[in-house]
Protein backbone atom coordinates (compact mmCIF):
# COMPACT_ATOMS: atom_id res chain seq x y z
CA MET A 1 116.80 82.65 97.84
CA PRO A 2 114.36 85.32 96.64
CA VAL A 3 115.96 88.03 94.49
CA PHE A 4 114.10 91.35 94.22
CA ASN A 5 114.98 92.44 90.69
CA ASN A 6 111.65 92.91 88.97
CA GLN A 7 110.86 96.15 87.17
CA ILE A 8 108.17 97.34 89.58
CA VAL A 9 110.36 96.99 92.66
CA ARG A 10 113.28 98.73 90.93
CA ARG A 11 111.05 101.63 89.91
CA ARG A 12 109.71 102.02 93.45
CA LEU A 13 113.21 101.90 94.90
CA ARG A 14 114.48 104.62 92.52
CA LEU A 15 111.52 106.85 93.28
CA ALA A 16 111.77 106.29 97.01
CA ALA A 17 115.51 106.88 96.99
CA GLY A 18 114.88 110.23 95.32
CA LEU A 19 112.23 111.09 97.87
CA SER A 20 114.51 110.09 100.73
CA ALA A 21 117.31 112.27 99.33
CA ALA A 22 114.92 115.21 98.98
CA LEU A 23 113.75 114.84 102.54
CA CYS A 24 117.34 114.80 103.72
CA LEU A 25 118.11 118.21 102.19
CA ALA A 26 116.90 119.63 105.48
CA GLY A 27 119.95 118.16 107.19
CA CYS A 28 119.01 114.62 108.08
CA TYR A 29 122.47 113.33 107.21
CA GLU A 30 124.35 115.39 109.73
CA ALA A 31 126.56 113.23 111.90
CA ALA A 32 124.69 111.46 114.66
CA PRO A 33 126.17 110.64 118.06
CA ASP A 34 127.73 107.21 118.51
CA PRO A 35 124.84 104.82 119.32
CA LYS A 36 127.20 102.64 121.40
CA THR A 37 126.96 105.23 124.18
CA GLN A 38 123.35 104.16 124.56
CA ILE A 39 123.84 100.48 125.33
CA GLY A 40 123.47 99.33 128.91
CA ALA A 41 121.81 100.36 132.14
CA ASN A 42 122.72 104.08 131.94
CA PRO A 43 122.39 105.29 128.34
CA ASP A 44 123.47 108.71 127.18
CA LEU A 45 120.34 110.82 126.60
CA PRO A 46 121.17 113.91 124.50
CA ALA A 47 119.09 117.05 124.13
CA GLN A 48 115.78 116.69 122.32
CA GLN A 49 115.29 117.78 118.71
CA GLN A 50 111.96 118.31 116.97
CA TYR A 51 111.15 118.30 113.27
CA LEU A 52 108.48 119.49 110.89
CA MET A 53 109.39 116.44 108.78
CA PRO A 54 111.40 113.70 110.50
CA PRO A 55 114.69 112.58 108.90
CA MET A 56 114.34 109.31 106.99
CA HIS A 57 117.15 107.01 105.97
CA VAL A 58 115.81 103.59 105.09
CA ALA A 59 117.79 100.73 103.62
CA SER A 60 116.28 99.84 100.25
CA VAL A 61 115.59 96.15 99.69
CA VAL A 62 117.76 93.96 97.46
CA GLY A 63 117.18 90.57 99.11
CA TRP A 64 119.63 87.70 99.38
CA GLN A 65 121.45 86.87 96.16
CA GLN A 66 122.38 83.28 95.36
CA GLY A 67 124.95 82.00 97.84
CA GLU A 68 124.64 84.93 100.26
CA LYS A 69 123.83 84.52 103.93
CA PRO A 70 124.29 86.50 107.17
CA ASP A 71 127.61 86.65 109.00
CA VAL A 72 128.28 85.00 112.37
CA PRO A 73 131.35 84.98 114.66
CA SER A 74 134.01 82.31 114.55
CA GLY A 75 132.75 79.13 116.19
CA LEU A 76 129.23 79.50 114.81
CA GLU A 77 127.70 78.74 111.42
CA ILE A 78 124.45 79.79 109.79
CA THR A 79 122.25 78.08 107.21
CA ALA A 80 118.80 78.64 105.75
CA LEU A 81 116.26 76.38 107.44
CA ALA A 82 113.45 77.58 105.16
CA THR A 83 113.15 79.98 102.21
CA GLY A 84 110.40 81.32 99.99
CA LEU A 85 108.21 82.41 102.90
CA GLN A 86 105.93 85.46 102.94
CA HIS A 87 106.94 87.89 105.69
CA PRO A 88 107.94 85.46 108.47
CA ARG A 89 107.56 87.50 111.66
CA SER A 90 107.73 85.13 114.63
CA LEU A 91 108.68 81.56 115.51
CA TYR A 92 107.44 78.95 117.95
CA VAL A 93 109.07 75.59 118.68
CA LEU A 94 106.62 72.79 119.52
CA PRO A 95 107.51 70.08 122.08
CA ASP A 96 108.23 67.52 119.34
CA GLY A 97 110.68 69.91 117.66
CA ASP A 98 108.44 71.07 114.84
CA VAL A 99 108.76 74.82 114.22
CA LEU A 100 105.82 77.11 113.56
CA VAL A 101 106.55 80.16 111.39
CA VAL A 102 104.03 82.97 111.65
CA GLU A 103 103.79 84.77 108.30
CA SER A 104 101.79 87.97 108.35
CA LYS A 105 101.06 91.28 106.69
CA ALA A 106 100.04 94.50 108.40
CA PRO A 107 96.27 95.07 108.43
CA GLY A 108 96.61 98.44 106.71
CA THR A 109 93.90 100.15 108.73
CA GLU A 110 95.75 103.23 109.99
CA PRO A 111 94.34 106.50 108.59
CA ILE A 112 96.57 108.92 106.70
CA LYS A 113 95.79 112.46 107.89
CA ARG A 114 98.94 114.47 107.20
CA PRO A 115 101.59 114.64 104.45
CA LYS A 116 104.05 113.10 106.91
CA ASP A 117 101.72 110.11 107.42
CA PHE A 118 101.56 109.48 103.68
CA ILE A 119 105.31 109.64 103.22
CA MET A 120 106.09 107.42 106.21
CA LYS A 121 103.48 104.84 105.25
CA TRP A 122 104.67 104.74 101.67
CA VAL A 123 108.36 104.48 102.51
CA GLU A 124 107.64 101.68 104.99
CA SER A 125 105.64 99.75 102.39
CA TRP A 126 108.62 99.31 100.07
CA ALA A 127 111.42 99.18 102.60
CA THR A 128 110.25 96.60 105.10
CA SER A 129 108.55 93.76 103.31
CA GLY A 130 110.69 92.51 100.43
CA GLY A 131 108.85 90.66 97.66
CA ASP A 132 105.08 90.42 97.98
CA THR A 133 104.04 87.58 95.71
CA GLY A 134 102.33 84.89 97.78
CA GLU A 135 99.97 83.96 100.56
CA SER A 136 100.59 85.29 104.06
CA ASN A 137 98.56 85.71 107.29
CA ARG A 138 99.10 82.06 108.03
CA ILE A 139 101.30 79.71 110.03
CA THR A 140 103.72 77.40 108.23
CA LEU A 141 105.05 74.22 109.82
CA LEU A 142 108.73 73.31 109.42
CA ARG A 143 109.73 69.70 110.02
CA GLY A 144 113.23 68.28 109.94
CA GLY A 145 116.15 70.39 108.85
CA GLY A 146 118.91 68.82 110.93
CA ASP A 147 122.60 69.14 110.01
CA GLY A 148 122.08 72.20 107.86
CA LYS A 149 119.48 70.66 105.59
CA PRO A 150 116.34 72.66 104.69
CA ALA A 151 113.19 71.72 106.54
CA THR A 152 110.05 70.52 104.83
CA GLN A 153 107.34 73.20 104.74
CA SER A 154 103.57 72.87 104.86
CA VAL A 155 100.63 75.12 105.68
CA PHE A 156 99.64 74.51 109.30
CA LEU A 157 96.94 77.14 109.85
CA ASP A 158 95.69 79.81 107.49
CA HIS A 159 93.09 82.55 106.95
CA LEU A 160 94.33 84.43 110.01
CA THR A 161 94.14 88.17 110.75
CA SER A 162 97.65 89.63 110.85
CA PRO A 163 98.87 87.02 113.37
CA PHE A 164 102.05 87.34 115.42
CA GLY A 165 102.22 85.57 118.80
CA VAL A 166 101.77 81.82 119.44
CA ALA A 167 101.63 79.82 122.69
CA LEU A 168 100.89 76.15 123.33
CA VAL A 169 99.46 75.02 126.67
CA GLY A 170 98.65 71.31 126.88
CA ASP A 171 96.50 70.45 123.88
CA GLU A 172 95.43 74.04 123.20
CA LEU A 173 97.25 76.31 120.76
CA TYR A 174 96.73 80.06 121.16
CA VAL A 175 97.31 82.50 118.31
CA ALA A 176 97.42 86.26 118.87
CA ASN A 177 95.85 87.82 115.80
CA THR A 178 95.99 91.59 115.67
CA ASP A 179 92.40 91.79 116.99
CA ALA A 180 91.93 88.71 119.21
CA ILE A 181 93.53 85.73 120.95
CA VAL A 182 92.11 82.61 119.29
CA ARG A 183 92.28 79.06 120.69
CA TYR A 184 92.67 75.90 118.56
CA PRO A 185 92.90 72.20 119.44
CA TYR A 186 96.34 70.67 118.90
CA HIS A 187 97.75 67.16 119.19
CA THR A 188 101.44 66.28 119.05
CA GLY A 189 102.50 65.57 115.51
CA ASP A 190 99.64 67.43 113.85
CA THR A 191 100.60 68.77 110.44
CA ARG A 192 97.53 70.96 109.94
CA ILE A 193 94.76 72.50 112.01
CA THR A 194 91.40 72.61 110.26
CA ALA A 195 89.11 73.02 113.28
CA PRO A 196 87.56 76.48 113.66
CA GLY A 197 89.18 78.63 116.29
CA GLU A 198 87.44 79.93 119.40
CA THR A 199 88.02 83.53 120.46
CA LEU A 200 89.39 83.67 123.99
CA THR A 201 89.43 87.46 124.25
CA PRO A 202 89.30 90.36 121.77
CA LEU A 203 92.33 92.64 121.50
CA PRO A 204 92.55 96.29 120.40
CA GLY A 205 92.60 96.26 116.60
CA GLY A 206 91.11 98.71 114.09
CA PRO A 207 89.91 101.07 112.86
CA ILE A 208 93.38 102.42 113.71
CA ASP A 209 95.98 99.72 114.30
CA HIS A 210 99.33 101.48 114.30
CA HIS A 211 101.42 98.89 116.16
CA TRP A 212 99.61 95.74 115.11
CA THR A 213 101.93 92.93 116.22
CA LYS A 214 100.65 91.16 119.33
CA SER A 215 103.39 89.19 121.09
CA LEU A 216 102.19 86.27 123.25
CA VAL A 217 103.61 84.04 125.97
CA ALA A 218 102.10 81.64 128.53
CA SER A 219 103.03 81.77 132.20
CA PRO A 220 105.21 78.88 133.42
CA ASP A 221 102.19 77.21 135.07
CA GLY A 222 100.04 77.73 131.97
CA LYS A 223 97.21 79.50 133.80
CA LEU A 224 97.86 82.94 132.32
CA LEU A 225 98.69 84.44 128.96
CA TYR A 226 100.59 87.68 128.52
CA VAL A 227 100.12 89.71 125.35
CA GLY A 228 101.87 92.86 124.17
CA VAL A 229 99.60 95.58 122.80
CA GLY A 230 101.47 98.44 121.13
CA SER A 231 100.43 102.08 120.98
CA ASN A 232 98.20 103.48 118.25
CA SER A 233 100.63 106.26 117.34
CA ASN A 234 104.13 107.53 117.79
CA ILE A 235 103.17 110.05 120.47
CA THR A 236 99.33 110.31 120.71
CA GLU A 237 98.89 112.12 117.37
CA ASN A 238 95.78 110.00 116.77
CA GLY A 239 94.23 111.22 120.02
CA ILE A 240 94.44 109.86 123.55
CA GLU A 241 91.17 107.93 123.19
CA ALA A 242 92.79 105.83 120.45
CA GLU A 243 95.31 104.67 123.07
CA LYS A 244 92.77 103.09 125.41
CA ASN A 245 94.18 99.80 126.79
CA ARG A 246 97.20 100.11 124.49
CA ALA A 247 100.92 100.63 125.05
CA ALA A 248 100.61 97.88 127.62
CA ILE A 249 101.05 94.23 128.44
CA TRP A 250 97.80 92.43 129.20
CA GLU A 251 97.43 89.49 131.55
CA VAL A 252 94.70 87.11 130.37
CA GLU A 253 93.17 84.23 132.33
CA ARG A 254 93.38 81.23 130.05
CA ALA A 255 90.35 79.52 131.58
CA THR A 256 87.97 82.48 131.31
CA GLY A 257 89.43 85.09 128.95
CA ARG A 258 89.23 87.76 131.66
CA TRP A 259 92.06 90.25 131.39
CA ARG A 260 93.72 93.14 133.15
CA ILE A 261 96.52 95.59 132.38
CA PHE A 262 99.65 94.00 133.87
CA ALA A 263 102.02 96.88 133.00
CA SER A 264 101.58 100.10 131.02
CA GLY A 265 103.52 102.95 129.43
CA LEU A 266 105.28 100.52 127.03
CA ARG A 267 105.07 102.06 123.55
CA ASN A 268 105.45 98.83 121.56
CA PRO A 269 106.32 95.73 123.62
CA ASN A 270 107.37 92.60 121.73
CA GLY A 271 109.31 89.39 122.31
CA LEU A 272 107.60 88.57 125.61
CA SER A 273 109.63 85.84 127.37
CA PHE A 274 110.21 84.45 130.85
CA GLU A 275 113.82 84.60 132.02
CA PRO A 276 114.81 81.01 132.96
CA GLN A 277 116.58 81.69 136.25
CA SER A 278 114.35 84.32 137.89
CA HIS A 279 111.15 83.31 136.03
CA ALA A 280 110.42 87.03 135.60
CA LEU A 281 108.63 88.34 132.52
CA TRP A 282 110.84 90.33 130.12
CA THR A 283 110.15 92.24 126.92
CA VAL A 284 111.87 94.39 124.29
CA VAL A 285 110.26 97.74 123.52
CA ASN A 286 110.33 100.11 120.54
CA GLU A 287 110.43 103.61 121.98
CA ARG A 288 109.21 106.89 120.42
CA ASP A 289 110.54 108.66 117.33
CA GLU A 290 111.19 112.19 116.08
CA LEU A 291 113.18 113.55 119.02
CA GLY A 292 116.56 113.05 117.36
CA PRO A 293 118.87 110.33 116.04
CA ASN A 294 119.80 109.24 119.58
CA LEU A 295 116.41 109.63 121.24
CA VAL A 296 114.79 107.59 122.51
CA PRO A 297 116.76 104.37 123.11
CA ASP A 298 114.81 101.17 122.54
CA TYR A 299 115.20 98.80 125.44
CA LEU A 300 115.11 95.39 127.12
CA THR A 301 113.39 95.25 130.49
CA SER A 302 111.85 93.06 133.11
CA VAL A 303 108.16 93.76 133.49
CA LYS A 304 106.83 94.49 136.98
CA ASP A 305 103.20 94.00 137.90
CA GLY A 306 101.43 97.38 137.97
CA ALA A 307 104.46 99.32 136.75
CA PHE A 308 104.25 102.36 134.45
CA TYR A 309 107.16 102.85 132.01
CA GLY A 310 106.48 106.41 130.87
CA TRP A 311 104.86 106.40 127.42
CA PRO A 312 103.63 108.83 126.24
CA TYR A 313 104.38 111.40 128.92
CA SER A 314 108.02 110.61 129.65
CA TYR A 315 110.86 108.30 128.74
CA TYR A 316 113.58 106.58 130.76
CA GLY A 317 111.91 107.52 134.00
CA GLN A 318 111.04 111.19 134.39
CA HIS A 319 112.39 112.65 131.10
CA VAL A 320 109.31 114.58 129.97
CA ASP A 321 108.19 114.60 126.35
CA PRO A 322 106.82 118.15 125.77
CA ARG A 323 104.88 117.12 122.64
CA VAL A 324 102.18 115.41 124.71
CA GLN A 325 99.38 117.67 125.89
CA PRO A 326 97.94 117.85 128.43
CA GLN A 327 100.84 116.73 130.57
CA ARG A 328 100.43 114.19 133.38
CA PRO A 329 103.00 114.97 136.10
CA ASP A 330 101.28 112.47 138.38
CA LEU A 331 102.11 109.64 135.97
CA VAL A 332 105.58 110.96 135.22
CA ALA A 333 106.34 110.86 138.94
CA LYS A 334 105.68 107.11 139.05
CA ALA A 335 107.38 106.21 135.75
CA ILE A 336 110.23 103.73 136.16
CA ALA A 337 113.29 103.39 133.94
CA PRO A 338 113.82 100.15 132.01
CA ASP A 339 116.65 97.75 132.81
CA TYR A 340 118.81 97.89 129.69
CA ALA A 341 119.08 100.25 126.70
CA LEU A 342 119.76 98.85 123.23
CA SER A 343 120.45 102.26 121.56
CA SER A 344 118.02 104.37 119.57
CA HIS A 345 115.77 103.22 116.74
CA VAL A 346 117.13 99.65 116.45
CA ALA A 347 113.49 98.41 116.53
CA PRO A 348 113.84 95.26 118.66
CA LEU A 349 111.10 92.75 117.88
CA GLY A 350 112.51 89.37 118.89
CA LEU A 351 113.74 88.05 122.25
CA ALA A 352 114.94 84.56 123.12
CA PHE A 353 116.72 83.47 126.31
CA ASN A 354 119.35 80.76 125.84
CA ASN A 355 119.71 78.39 128.76
CA GLY A 356 121.75 75.75 126.94
CA ASP A 357 125.33 75.43 125.71
CA ALA A 358 124.78 74.19 122.15
CA LEU A 359 125.99 77.57 120.83
CA THR A 360 129.16 77.50 122.97
CA ALA A 361 129.43 78.73 126.54
CA ALA A 362 129.87 82.33 125.38
CA TYR A 363 126.14 82.52 124.67
CA ARG A 364 124.75 80.65 127.66
CA GLY A 365 122.32 82.23 130.09
CA GLY A 366 121.73 85.50 128.27
CA ALA A 367 119.28 86.95 125.77
CA PHE A 368 119.36 87.08 121.99
CA ILE A 369 117.55 90.10 120.52
CA GLY A 370 116.41 90.60 116.94
CA GLU A 371 116.85 94.23 115.87
CA HIS A 372 114.72 95.00 112.81
CA GLY A 373 116.61 98.22 112.08
CA SER A 374 116.22 101.99 111.93
CA TRP A 375 114.54 104.24 109.38
CA ASN A 376 114.83 107.62 111.08
CA ARG A 377 118.46 108.37 111.87
CA PRO A 378 121.33 109.43 109.54
CA GLN A 379 123.45 106.33 110.19
CA LEU A 380 121.53 103.07 110.05
CA ASN A 381 121.29 101.27 113.39
CA GLY A 382 120.20 97.73 114.22
CA TYR A 383 119.67 95.28 111.33
CA LYS A 384 121.27 92.48 113.34
CA VAL A 385 120.88 89.98 116.16
CA VAL A 386 122.71 90.84 119.37
CA TYR A 387 123.40 88.92 122.57
CA VAL A 388 123.09 90.49 126.03
CA PRO A 389 124.93 88.55 128.78
CA PHE A 390 122.98 87.87 131.99
CA ALA A 391 124.02 87.00 135.55
CA ASP A 392 121.65 86.18 138.39
CA GLY A 393 118.66 86.96 136.20
CA HIS A 394 119.80 90.44 135.08
CA PRO A 395 121.82 91.93 132.21
CA ASN A 396 125.53 91.84 132.93
CA GLY A 397 127.71 93.26 130.19
CA VAL A 398 127.69 94.98 126.81
CA ALA A 399 125.52 93.69 123.99
CA GLN A 400 127.53 91.70 121.44
CA ASP A 401 126.85 91.44 117.71
CA VAL A 402 126.07 87.81 116.82
CA VAL A 403 124.32 87.75 113.44
CA THR A 404 125.14 90.59 111.04
CA GLY A 405 125.37 91.06 107.28
CA PHE A 406 121.68 91.85 106.82
CA LEU A 407 122.96 95.12 105.33
CA SER A 408 125.21 95.10 102.28
CA LYS A 409 128.33 97.26 102.18
CA ASP A 410 126.38 99.96 100.34
CA GLU A 411 123.62 99.85 103.00
CA LYS A 412 121.05 97.91 101.03
CA SER A 413 118.84 95.53 102.98
CA ARG A 414 119.29 91.85 102.21
CA GLY A 415 117.03 91.00 105.12
CA ARG A 416 115.77 92.19 108.50
CA PRO A 417 115.55 90.01 111.63
CA VAL A 418 112.30 89.86 113.59
CA GLY A 419 111.30 86.98 115.88
CA LEU A 420 113.74 84.53 117.46
CA ALA A 421 113.51 81.07 119.02
CA ILE A 422 115.76 78.33 120.40
CA ASP A 423 115.02 74.96 118.79
CA LYS A 424 115.20 71.53 120.46
CA SER A 425 118.85 71.12 119.53
CA GLY A 426 119.72 74.45 121.16
CA SER A 427 120.25 76.26 117.87
CA LEU A 428 119.10 79.84 117.34
CA LEU A 429 116.32 80.42 114.80
CA ILE A 430 115.77 83.82 113.16
CA ALA A 431 112.72 84.98 111.22
CA ASP A 432 113.84 87.31 108.41
CA ASP A 433 110.75 89.12 107.13
CA VAL A 434 112.49 90.94 104.26
CA GLY A 435 114.64 88.01 103.08
CA ASN A 436 111.60 85.74 103.55
CA THR A 437 113.86 83.18 105.21
CA VAL A 438 114.22 81.37 108.53
CA TRP A 439 117.90 81.16 109.45
CA ARG A 440 119.42 78.59 111.82
CA VAL A 441 122.58 79.35 113.81
CA THR A 442 124.51 76.38 115.19
CA SER A 443 127.89 75.65 116.68
CA ALA A 444 130.49 75.08 114.00
CA ASN A 445 131.85 72.17 116.06
CA ARG A 446 128.59 70.34 116.65
CA GLN A 447 128.50 66.59 116.17
CA PRO A 448 126.32 65.09 113.40
CA THR A 449 122.82 64.46 114.71
CA GLN A 450 119.40 63.39 113.62
CA ALA A 451 117.00 66.14 112.51
CA SER A 452 116.24 68.22 115.57
CA ASN A 453 112.59 67.21 115.81
CA GLY A 454 113.09 63.50 115.37
CA HIS A 455 110.68 63.11 112.44
């Protein structure tokens, strides 16, 4: 396991901790409302607050020490499938059971115009990425790893541009870089792609690229691709023109590259997935910041064709955000509320539906969600993987903690979950971009098996 104990990291952590404490003199550590009141279909939405400088409380990084691992409930067990990665953000399971790990770094193109921008960018740089010592912006292939054994690792595809989403349709592999969807040839069993990629369609990238991760999923019939394109700001502070075709989910024709806006008003949609029973498209969304510790709840929602979900003008339906000028009451009037709140500032980035029973019946039919964790509320929120029960294609019950322990008892970050996937054996895979690890959650009572991919 990587251990972040070098002199440079320690110095940065001490300095940042001092800066964070100074920022909090303005009252950022006053008690926040209970975030559990914001989980479900009807979240509590308190009065708005506004700040000259937003409160910041970020978990400093310590990494996983030897022998440490996340916690799981009784009946489950967790092991490291792969370690020593460089910012693993998302996961994709190939038909033969091989696992693709997308490792990527932010493009770093967003301008810094205000003192707040500098502080937020700097704090994020040390608090979200763990060690920074090797190659990234690539895809690593994991093979094997059954029965708790580590998988073999090899470089599958490299020299990418801040990649995130992956989708395989037939013998074509699609990678969503931050600035384009690129197509590559793929054959079952391939251990490396060396052929040059072909751009299917450009995506909004720089010169500003605030929310740079581009989630990707193929439609069940393989004819269409859906890609999440996050906003270029928190709340239009970079200008409305910078938001053109952003804060939206695009629908792309795979045969031609033609695209249209499928749904809009989604500040930062990630984890695009099709729910197995209804076959509807779902996503998790990072909502806006700087309105208070319990505003605005991040959420899980089905995505309706042509729907508008409020950003930037309103949230949770018609709750107007007064910071956005000029206002658009015509759009607010048509804004729809999402299906399920996850509570504020948990930063959901991963979504995986589980249609099997390998993880016990308690986790069958619902959705696992990777919550990367908060930076802007007094009490840390998120930093875990939760499970939302479903019935008849819709959320049905309170979110349950499944994988925790990413935070130490003194609120240091050992890791932070991002993308999720279900492997061929039915186990849950978790990309941990701070711990630089892929974790594998299995049933504690599973029978001994061959490696999940059969190689």
